[in-house]
Amino acid sequence: MPLPWWRSSPGIVSVFAQQQPTFRTGTQIVSLFATVLDGQKRLVPNLIQDDFEILDNDKLQPIVFFDNDVAADHRRRHARHQRQHDRIRSRC
């Protein structure tokens, strides 16, 4: 009995053997920075992760990283401002 065409052709078999399944995945982490002020526009200190909820299209999203470091926030803003200033200077 002759072999089926796909078994009798080693070229076709090797192509099938070399194909790997495609696996696609993705993740997206979005950085959010918040400043919380009270009714007199004073900074509200000592907030913790449980004080916040993040909703996307009314669906609760997990908070994967939380930092309540006011000094770090100030450093980030200063660094961003410095980068913007450097870009403007480099155009002149």
PDB file of N, CA and C in Angstrom:
ATOM      1  N   MET A   1       0.855  -1.181   0.000  1.00  0.00           N
ATOM      2  CA  MET A   1       0.000   0.000   0.000  1.00  0.00           C
ATOM      3  C   MET A   1       0.897   1.239   0.000  1.00  0.00           C
ATOM      4  N   PRO A   2       0.640   2.198  -0.880  1.00  0.00           N
ATOM      5  CA  PRO A   2       1.474   3.399  -0.930  1.00  0.00           C
ATOM      6  C   PRO A   2       1.197   4.311   0.271  1.00  0.00           C
ATOM      7  N   LEU A   3       2.235   5.078   0.646  1.00  0.00           N
ATOM      8  CA  LEU A   3       2.083   6.034   1.753  1.00  0.00           C
ATOM      9  C   LEU A   3       1.252   7.232   1.301  1.00  0.00           C
ATOM     10  N   PRO A   4       0.534   7.886   2.243  1.00  0.00           N
ATOM     11  CA  PRO A   4      -0.185   9.116   1.878  1.00  0.00           C
ATOM     12  C   PRO A   4       0.804  10.154   1.361  1.00  0.00           C
ATOM     13  N   TRP A   5       0.341  11.087   0.523  1.00  0.00           N
ATOM     14  CA  TRP A   5       1.229  12.072  -0.103  1.00  0.00           C
ATOM     15  C   TRP A   5       2.015  12.865   0.933  1.00  0.00           C
ATOM     16  N   TRP A   6       1.433  13.187   2.080  1.00  0.00           N
ATOM     17  CA  TRP A   6       2.126  13.997   3.068  1.00  0.00           C
ATOM     18  C   TRP A   6       3.194  13.201   3.808  1.00  0.00           C
ATOM     19  N   ARG A   7       3.090  11.887   3.819  1.00  0.00           N
ATOM     20  CA  ARG A   7       4.125  11.053   4.430  1.00  0.00           C
ATOM     21  C   ARG A   7       5.217  10.680   3.445  1.00  0.00           C
ATOM     22  N   SER A   8       4.886  10.684   2.180  1.00  0.00           N
ATOM     23  CA  SER A   8       5.861  10.271   1.179  1.00  0.00           C
ATOM     24  C   SER A   8       6.779  11.410   0.773  1.00  0.00           C
ATOM     25  N   SER A   9       6.469  12.620   1.175  1.00  0.00           N
ATOM     26  CA  SER A   9       7.291  13.771   0.797  1.00  0.00           C
ATOM     27  C   SER A   9       8.001  14.317   2.030  1.00  0.00           C
ATOM     28  N   PRO A  10       9.309  14.030   2.200  1.00  0.00           N
ATOM     29  CA  PRO A  10      10.021  14.482   3.395  1.00  0.00           C
ATOM     30  C   PRO A  10      10.099  15.998   3.510  1.00  0.00           C
ATOM     31  N   GLY A  11      10.061  16.700   2.380  1.00  0.00           N
ATOM     32  CA  GLY A  11      10.101  18.169   2.426  1.00  0.00           C
ATOM     33  C   GLY A  11       8.899  18.752   3.145  1.00  0.00           C
ATOM     34  N   ILE A  12       7.737  18.211   2.870  1.00  0.00           N
ATOM     35  CA  ILE A  12       6.508  18.718   3.501  1.00  0.00           C
ATOM     36  C   ILE A  12       6.501  18.366   4.985  1.00  0.00           C
ATOM     37  N   VAL A  13       6.904  17.170   5.319  1.00  0.00           N
ATOM     38  CA  VAL A  13       6.921  16.762   6.719  1.00  0.00           C
ATOM     39  C   VAL A  13       7.863  17.641   7.522  1.00  0.00           C
ATOM     40  N   SER A  14       9.039  17.963   6.962  1.00  0.00           N
ATOM     41  CA  SER A  14       9.986  18.786   7.709  1.00  0.00           C
ATOM     42  C   SER A  14       9.474  20.207   7.892  1.00  0.00           C
ATOM     43  N   VAL A  15       8.704  20.736   6.927  1.00  0.00           N
ATOM     44  CA  VAL A  15       8.121  22.076   7.089  1.00  0.00           C
ATOM     45  C   VAL A  15       7.134  22.065   8.238  1.00  0.00           C
ATOM     46  N   PHE A  16       6.287  21.037   8.293  1.00  0.00           N
ATOM     47  CA  PHE A  16       5.320  20.951   9.382  1.00  0.00           C
ATOM     48  C   PHE A  16       6.025  20.806  10.730  1.00  0.00           C
ATOM     49  N   ALA A  17       7.097  20.051  10.760  1.00  0.00           N
ATOM     50  CA  ALA A  17       7.814  19.826  12.010  1.00  0.00           C
ATOM     51  C   ALA A  17       8.513  21.086  12.495  1.00  0.00           C
ATOM     52  N   GLN A  18       8.895  21.985  11.593  1.00  0.00           N
ATOM     53  CA  GLN A  18       9.635  23.183  11.982  1.00  0.00           C
ATOM     54  C   GLN A  18       8.725  24.312  12.456  1.00  0.00           C
ATOM     55  N   GLN A  19       7.464  24.298  12.105  1.00  0.00           N
ATOM     56  CA  GLN A  19       6.563  25.378  12.492  1.00  0.00           C
ATOM     57  C   GLN A  19       6.305  25.329  13.993  1.00  0.00           C
ATOM     58  N   GLN A  20       6.462  26.468  14.612  1.00  0.00           N
ATOM     59  CA  GLN A  20       6.202  26.583  16.046  1.00  0.00           C
ATOM     60  C   GLN A  20       4.849  27.249  16.237  1.00  0.00           C
ATOM     61  N   PRO A  21       4.128  26.878  17.263  1.00  0.00           N
ATOM     62  CA  PRO A  21       2.848  27.551  17.511  1.00  0.00           C
ATOM     63  C   PRO A  21       3.081  29.022  17.861  1.00  0.00           C
ATOM     64  N   THR A  22       2.163  29.834  17.446  1.00  0.00           N
ATOM     65  CA  THR A  22       2.244  31.264  17.738  1.00  0.00           C
ATOM     66  C   THR A  22       1.604  31.527  19.095  1.00  0.00           C
ATOM     67  N   PHE A  23       2.326  32.233  19.918  1.00  0.00           N
ATOM     68  CA  PHE A  23       1.821  32.605  21.241  1.00  0.00           C
ATOM     69  C   PHE A  23       1.906  34.115  21.351  1.00  0.00           C
ATOM     70  N   ARG A  24       0.804  34.750  21.531  1.00  0.00           N
ATOM     71  CA  ARG A  24       0.780  36.202  21.660  1.00  0.00           C
ATOM     72  C   ARG A  24       0.285  36.556  23.060  1.00  0.00           C
ATOM     73  N   THR A  25       0.935  37.535  23.612  1.00  0.00           N
ATOM     74  CA  THR A  25       0.515  38.013  24.923  1.00  0.00           C
ATOM     75  C   THR A  25       0.800  39.499  24.996  1.00  0.00           C
ATOM     76  N   GLY A  26       0.253  40.128  25.934  1.00  0.00           N
ATOM     77  CA  GLY A  26       0.505  41.551  26.097  1.00  0.00           C
ATOM     78  C   GLY A  26       0.148  41.983  27.499  1.00  0.00           C
ATOM     79  N   THR A  27       0.774  43.022  27.889  1.00  0.00           N
ATOM     80  CA  THR A  27       0.462  43.612  29.184  1.00  0.00           C
ATOM     81  C   THR A  27       0.640  45.103  29.060  1.00  0.00           C
ATOM     82  N   GLN A  28      -0.097  45.808  29.807  1.00  0.00           N
ATOM     83  CA  GLN A  28       0.026  47.257  29.773  1.00  0.00           C
ATOM     84  C   GLN A  28      -0.085  47.768  31.198  1.00  0.00           C
ATOM     85  N   ILE A  29       0.957  48.404  31.620  1.00  0.00           N
ATOM     86  CA  ILE A  29       0.952  49.043  32.928  1.00  0.00           C
ATOM     87  C   ILE A  29       0.978  50.540  32.679  1.00  0.00           C
ATOM     88  N   VAL A  30       0.059  51.221  33.272  1.00  0.00           N
ATOM     89  CA  VAL A  30      -0.075  52.663  33.086  1.00  0.00           C
ATOM     90  C   VAL A  30       0.311  53.348  34.387  1.00  0.00           C
ATOM     91  N   SER A  31       1.205  54.315  34.288  1.00  0.00           N
ATOM     92  CA  SER A  31       1.598  55.085  35.479  1.00  0.00           C
ATOM     93  C   SER A  31       0.586  56.198  35.710  1.00  0.00           C
ATOM     94  N   LEU A  32       0.112  56.276  36.924  1.00  0.00           N
ATOM     95  CA  LEU A  32      -0.801  57.341  37.326  1.00  0.00           C
ATOM     96  C   LEU A  32      -0.190  58.073  38.508  1.00  0.00           C
ATOM     97  N   PHE A  33      -0.186  59.374  38.434  1.00  0.00           N
ATOM     98  CA  PHE A  33       0.311  60.193  39.533  1.00  0.00           C
ATOM     99  C   PHE A  33      -0.856  61.025  40.035  1.00  0.00           C
ATOM    100  N   ALA A  34      -1.046  61.023  41.334  1.00  0.00           N
ATOM    101  CA  ALA A  34      -2.180  61.740  41.912  1.00  0.00           C
ATOM    102  C   ALA A  34      -1.703  62.617  43.058  1.00  0.00           C
ATOM    103  N   THR A  35      -2.289  63.780  43.121  1.00  0.00           N
ATOM    104  CA  THR A  35      -2.097  64.672  44.260  1.00  0.00           C
ATOM    105  C   THR A  35      -3.465  64.880  44.874  1.00  0.00           C
ATOM    106  N   VAL A  36      -3.607  64.556  46.153  1.00  0.00           N
ATOM    107  CA  VAL A  36      -4.897  64.646  46.828  1.00  0.00           C
ATOM    108  C   VAL A  36      -4.869  65.852  47.757  1.00  0.00           C
ATOM    109  N   LEU A  37      -5.854  66.731  47.562  1.00  0.00           N
ATOM    110  CA  LEU A  37      -5.962  67.952  48.368  1.00  0.00           C
ATOM    111  C   LEU A  37      -7.271  67.939  49.136  1.00  0.00           C
ATOM    112  N   ASP A  38      -7.255  68.575  50.304  1.00  0.00           N
ATOM    113  CA  ASP A  38      -8.485  68.683  51.083  1.00  0.00           C
ATOM    114  C   ASP A  38      -9.270  69.928  50.646  1.00  0.00           C
ATOM    115  N   GLY A  39     -10.326  70.245  51.376  1.00  0.00           N
ATOM    116  CA  GLY A  39     -11.186  71.381  51.040  1.00  0.00           C
ATOM    117  C   GLY A  39     -10.480  72.730  51.066  1.00  0.00           C
ATOM    118  N   GLN A  40      -9.396  72.837  51.851  1.00  0.00           N
ATOM    119  CA  GLN A  40      -8.619  74.088  51.905  1.00  0.00           C
ATOM    120  C   GLN A  40      -7.404  74.026  50.967  1.00  0.00           C
ATOM    121  N   LYS A  41      -7.424  73.050  50.065  1.00  0.00           N
ATOM    122  CA  LYS A  41      -6.347  72.869  49.072  1.00  0.00           C
ATOM    123  C   LYS A  41      -4.996  72.564  49.710  1.00  0.00           C
ATOM    124  N   ARG A  42      -5.046  71.839  50.820  1.00  0.00           N
ATOM    125  CA  ARG A  42      -3.818  71.371  51.464  1.00  0.00           C
ATOM    126  C   ARG A  42      -3.602  69.907  51.100  1.00  0.00           C
ATOM    127  N   LEU A  43      -2.335  69.518  51.002  1.00  0.00           N
ATOM    128  CA  LEU A  43      -1.969  68.144  50.687  1.00  0.00           C
ATOM    129  C   LEU A  43      -2.506  67.198  51.753  1.00  0.00           C
ATOM    130  N   VAL A  44      -3.113  66.089  51.327  1.00  0.00           N
ATOM    131  CA  VAL A  44      -3.588  65.063  52.253  1.00  0.00           C
ATOM    132  C   VAL A  44      -2.476  64.019  52.368  1.00  0.00           C
ATOM    133  N   PRO A  45      -1.822  63.957  53.536  1.00  0.00           N
ATOM    134  CA  PRO A  45      -0.684  63.036  53.683  1.00  0.00           C
ATOM    135  C   PRO A  45      -1.135  61.639  54.117  1.00  0.00           C
ATOM    136  N   ASN A  46      -0.185  60.726  54.100  1.00  0.00           N
ATOM    137  CA  ASN A  46      -0.333  59.390  54.677  1.00  0.00           C
ATOM    138  C   ASN A  46      -1.419  58.531  54.034  1.00  0.00           C
ATOM    139  N   LEU A  47      -1.681  58.733  52.756  1.00  0.00           N
ATOM    140  CA  LEU A  47      -2.631  57.865  52.070  1.00  0.00           C
ATOM    141  C   LEU A  47      -1.957  56.537  51.760  1.00  0.00           C
ATOM    142  N   ILE A  48      -2.750  55.471  51.761  1.00  0.00           N
ATOM    143  CA  ILE A  48      -2.223  54.131  51.461  1.00  0.00           C
ATOM    144  C   ILE A  48      -2.924  53.591  50.209  1.00  0.00           C
ATOM    145  N   GLN A  49      -2.425  52.497  49.695  1.00  0.00           N
ATOM    146  CA  GLN A  49      -2.960  51.916  48.464  1.00  0.00           C
ATOM    147  C   GLN A  49      -4.456  51.640  48.571  1.00  0.00           C
ATOM    148  N   ASP A  50      -4.919  51.181  49.731  1.00  0.00           N
ATOM    149  CA  ASP A  50      -6.341  50.870  49.907  1.00  0.00           C
ATOM    150  C   ASP A  50      -7.238  52.104  49.858  1.00  0.00           C
ATOM    151  N   ASP A  51      -6.653  53.302  49.902  1.00  0.00           N
ATOM    152  CA  ASP A  51      -7.434  54.534  49.788  1.00  0.00           C
ATOM    153  C   ASP A  51      -7.797  54.854  48.337  1.00  0.00           C
ATOM    154  N   PHE A  52      -7.264  54.079  47.383  1.00  0.00           N
ATOM    155  CA  PHE A  52      -7.461  54.370  45.963  1.00  0.00           C
ATOM    156  C   PHE A  52      -8.152  53.219  45.258  1.00  0.00           C
ATOM    157  N   GLU A  53      -8.933  53.567  44.241  1.00  0.00           N
ATOM    158  CA  GLU A  53      -9.510  52.603  43.313  1.00  0.00           C
ATOM    159  C   GLU A  53      -9.239  53.118  41.907  1.00  0.00           C
ATOM    160  N   ILE A  54      -8.837  52.221  41.021  1.00  0.00           N
ATOM    161  CA  ILE A  54      -8.609  52.575  39.629  1.00  0.00           C
ATOM    162  C   ILE A  54      -9.664  51.841  38.808  1.00  0.00           C
ATOM    163  N   LEU A  55     -10.459  52.600  38.059  1.00  0.00           N
ATOM    164  CA  LEU A  55     -11.508  52.026  37.226  1.00  0.00           C
ATOM    165  C   LEU A  55     -11.194  52.313  35.762  1.00  0.00           C
ATOM    166  N   ASP A  56     -11.392  51.317  34.917  1.00  0.00           N
ATOM    167  CA  ASP A  56     -11.262  51.469  33.478  1.00  0.00           C
ATOM    168  C   ASP A  56     -12.554  50.969  32.870  1.00  0.00           C
ATOM    169  N   ASN A  57     -13.314  51.874  32.275  1.00  0.00           N
ATOM    170  CA  ASN A  57     -14.646  51.522  31.753  1.00  0.00           C
ATOM    171  C   ASN A  57     -15.485  50.846  32.830  1.00  0.00           C
ATOM    172  N   ASP A  58     -15.483  51.431  34.002  1.00  0.00           N
ATOM    173  CA  ASP A  58     -16.241  50.947  35.162  1.00  0.00           C
ATOM    174  C   ASP A  58     -15.786  49.580  35.670  1.00  0.00           C
ATOM    175  N   LYS A  59     -14.632  49.114  35.241  1.00  0.00           N
ATOM    176  CA  LYS A  59     -14.096  47.840  35.715  1.00  0.00           C
ATOM    177  C   LYS A  59     -12.899  48.117  36.615  1.00  0.00           C
ATOM    178  N   LEU A  60     -12.947  47.587  37.830  1.00  0.00           N
ATOM    179  CA  LEU A  60     -11.870  47.784  38.794  1.00  0.00           C
ATOM    180  C   LEU A  60     -10.578  47.154  38.280  1.00  0.00           C
ATOM    181  N   GLN A  61      -9.508  47.922  38.306  1.00  0.00           N
ATOM    182  CA  GLN A  61      -8.203  47.459  37.844  1.00  0.00           C
ATOM    183  C   GLN A  61      -7.270  47.297  39.045  1.00  0.00           C
ATOM    184  N   PRO A  62      -6.387  46.316  38.992  1.00  0.00           N
ATOM    185  CA  PRO A  62      -5.462  46.131  40.119  1.00  0.00           C
ATOM    186  C   PRO A  62      -4.396  47.215  40.145  1.00  0.00           C
ATOM    187  N   ILE A  63      -3.988  47.578  41.325  1.00  0.00           N
ATOM    188  CA  ILE A  63      -2.852  48.482  41.500  1.00  0.00           C
ATOM    189  C   ILE A  63      -1.646  47.589  41.740  1.00  0.00           C
ATOM    190  N   VAL A  64      -0.710  47.587  40.788  1.00  0.00           N
ATOM    191  CA  VAL A  64       0.422  46.666  40.894  1.00  0.00           C
ATOM    192  C   VAL A  64       1.617  47.294  41.598  1.00  0.00           C
ATOM    193  N   PHE A  65       1.630  48.602  41.712  1.00  0.00           N
ATOM    194  CA  PHE A  65       2.704  49.281  42.436  1.00  0.00           C
ATOM    195  C   PHE A  65       2.141  50.557  43.018  1.00  0.00           C
ATOM    196  N   PHE A  66       2.441  50.830  44.275  1.00  0.00           N
ATOM    197  CA  PHE A  66       1.962  52.037  44.941  1.00  0.00           C
ATOM    198  C   PHE A  66       3.116  52.643  45.716  1.00  0.00           C
ATOM    199  N   ASP A  67       3.278  53.947  45.576  1.00  0.00           N
ATOM    200  CA  ASP A  67       4.341  54.643  46.289  1.00  0.00           C
ATOM    201  C   ASP A  67       3.784  55.966  46.793  1.00  0.00           C
ATOM    202  N   ASN A  68       3.925  56.217  48.062  1.00  0.00           N
ATOM    203  CA  ASN A  68       3.466  57.469  48.653  1.00  0.00           C
ATOM    204  C   ASN A  68       4.678  58.262  49.130  1.00  0.00           C
ATOM    205  N   ASP A  69       5.625  58.431  48.250  1.00  0.00           N
ATOM    206  CA  ASP A  69       6.855  59.147  48.570  1.00  0.00           C
ATOM    207  C   ASP A  69       6.787  60.531  47.925  1.00  0.00           C
ATOM    208  N   VAL A  70       6.444  61.536  48.715  1.00  0.00           N
ATOM    209  CA  VAL A  70       6.297  62.891  48.198  1.00  0.00           C
ATOM    210  C   VAL A  70       7.616  63.387  47.617  1.00  0.00           C
ATOM    211  N   ALA A  71       8.729  63.058  48.230  1.00  0.00           N
ATOM    212  CA  ALA A  71      10.034  63.496  47.726  1.00  0.00           C
ATOM    213  C   ALA A  71      10.317  62.870  46.366  1.00  0.00           C
ATOM    214  N   ALA A  72       9.985  61.600  46.195  1.00  0.00           N
ATOM    215  CA  ALA A  72      10.199  60.942  44.904  1.00  0.00           C
ATOM    216  C   ALA A  72       9.331  61.583  43.836  1.00  0.00           C
ATOM    217  N   ASP A  73       8.095  61.936  44.187  1.00  0.00           N
ATOM    218  CA  ASP A  73       7.208  62.606  43.239  1.00  0.00           C
ATOM    219  C   ASP A  73       7.803  63.951  42.827  1.00  0.00           C
ATOM    220  N   HIS A  74       8.329  64.669  43.778  1.00  0.00           N
ATOM    221  CA  HIS A  74       8.961  65.959  43.476  1.00  0.00           C
ATOM    222  C   HIS A  74      10.160  65.758  42.545  1.00  0.00           C
ATOM    223  N   ARG A  75      10.979  64.739  42.800  1.00  0.00           N
ATOM    224  CA  ARG A  75      12.137  64.467  41.941  1.00  0.00           C
ATOM    225  C   ARG A  75      11.700  64.105  40.526  1.00  0.00           C
ATOM    226  N   ARG A  76      10.628  63.309  40.392  1.00  0.00           N
ATOM    227  CA  ARG A  76      10.124  62.948  39.056  1.00  0.00           C
ATOM    228  C   ARG A  76       9.669  64.186  38.307  1.00  0.00           C
ATOM    229  N   ARG A  77       8.925  65.056  38.977  1.00  0.00           N
ATOM    230  CA  ARG A  77       8.452  66.281  38.313  1.00  0.00           C
ATOM    231  C   ARG A  77       9.608  67.177  37.917  1.00  0.00           C
ATOM    232  N   HIS A  78      10.599  67.291  38.797  1.00  0.00           N
ATOM    233  CA  HIS A  78      11.761  68.123  38.495  1.00  0.00           C
ATOM    234  C   HIS A  78      12.522  67.550  37.296  1.00  0.00           C
ATOM    235  N   ALA A  79      12.699  66.242  37.256  1.00  0.00           N
ATOM    236  CA  ALA A  79      13.414  65.614  36.136  1.00  0.00           C
ATOM    237  C   ALA A  79      12.642  65.813  34.830  1.00  0.00           C
ATOM    238  N   ARG A  80      11.319  65.685  34.858  1.00  0.00           N
ATOM    239  CA  ARG A  80      10.506  65.898  33.662  1.00  0.00           C
ATOM    240  C   ARG A  80      10.631  67.342  33.187  1.00  0.00           C
ATOM    241  N   HIS A  81      10.570  68.282  34.126  1.00  0.00           N
ATOM    242  CA  HIS A  81      10.716  69.700  33.788  1.00  0.00           C
ATOM    243  C   HIS A  81      12.097  69.971  33.179  1.00  0.00           C
ATOM    244  N   GLN A  82      13.119  69.356  33.747  1.00  0.00           N
ATOM    245  CA  GLN A  82      14.474  69.555  33.234  1.00  0.00           C
ATOM    246  C   GLN A  82      14.607  69.000  31.814  1.00  0.00           C
ATOM    247  N   ARG A  83      14.017  67.840  31.545  1.00  0.00           N
ATOM    248  CA  ARG A  83      14.065  67.270  30.188  1.00  0.00           C
ATOM    249  C   ARG A  83      13.363  68.183  29.194  1.00  0.00           C
ATOM    250  N   GLN A  84      12.209  68.731  29.581  1.00  0.00           N
ATOM    251  CA  GLN A  84      11.492  69.646  28.693  1.00  0.00           C
ATOM    252  C   GLN A  84      12.338  70.889  28.425  1.00  0.00           C
ATOM    253  N   HIS A  85      12.963  71.411  29.447  1.00  0.00           N
ATOM    254  CA  HIS A  85      13.810  72.597  29.310  1.00  0.00           C
ATOM    255  C   HIS A  85      15.000  72.296  28.391  1.00  0.00           C
ATOM    256  N   ASP A  86      15.613  71.130  28.560  1.00  0.00           N
ATOM    257  CA  ASP A  86      16.752  70.745  27.718  1.00  0.00           C
ATOM    258  C   ASP A  86      16.336  70.605  26.260  1.00  0.00           C
ATOM    259  N   ARG A  87      15.147  70.081  26.003  1.00  0.00           N
ATOM    260  CA  ARG A  87      14.671  69.954  24.611  1.00  0.00           C
ATOM    261  C   ARG A  87      14.470  71.317  23.983  1.00  0.00           C
ATOM    262  N   ILE A  88      13.919  72.237  24.744  1.00  0.00           N
ATOM    263  CA  ILE A  88      13.694  73.584  24.223  1.00  0.00           C
ATOM    264  C   ILE A  88      15.032  74.259  23.914  1.00  0.00           C
ATOM    265  N   ARG A  89      16.006  74.118  24.822  1.00  0.00           N
ATOM    266  CA  ARG A  89      17.335  74.716  24.614  1.00  0.00           C
ATOM    267  C   ARG A  89      18.027  74.115  23.395  1.00  0.00           C
ATOM    268  N   SER A  90      17.844  72.804  23.178  1.00  0.00           N
ATOM    269  CA  SER A  90      18.547  72.156  22.060  1.00  0.00           C
ATOM    270  C   SER A  90      17.983  72.594  20.710  1.00  0.00           C
ATOM    271  N   ARG A  91      16.752  73.116  20.682  1.00  0.00           N
ATOM    272  CA  ARG A  91      16.157  73.594  19.421  1.00  0.00           C
ATOM    273  C   ARG A  91      16.679  74.968  19.022  1.00  0.00           C
ATOM    274  N   CYS A  92      17.211  75.701  19.990  1.00  0.00           N
ATOM    275  CA  CYS A  92      17.678  77.081  19.712  1.00  0.00           C
ATOM    276  C   CYS A  92      19.026  77.076  19.029  1.00  0.00           C
TER     277      CYS A  92
END
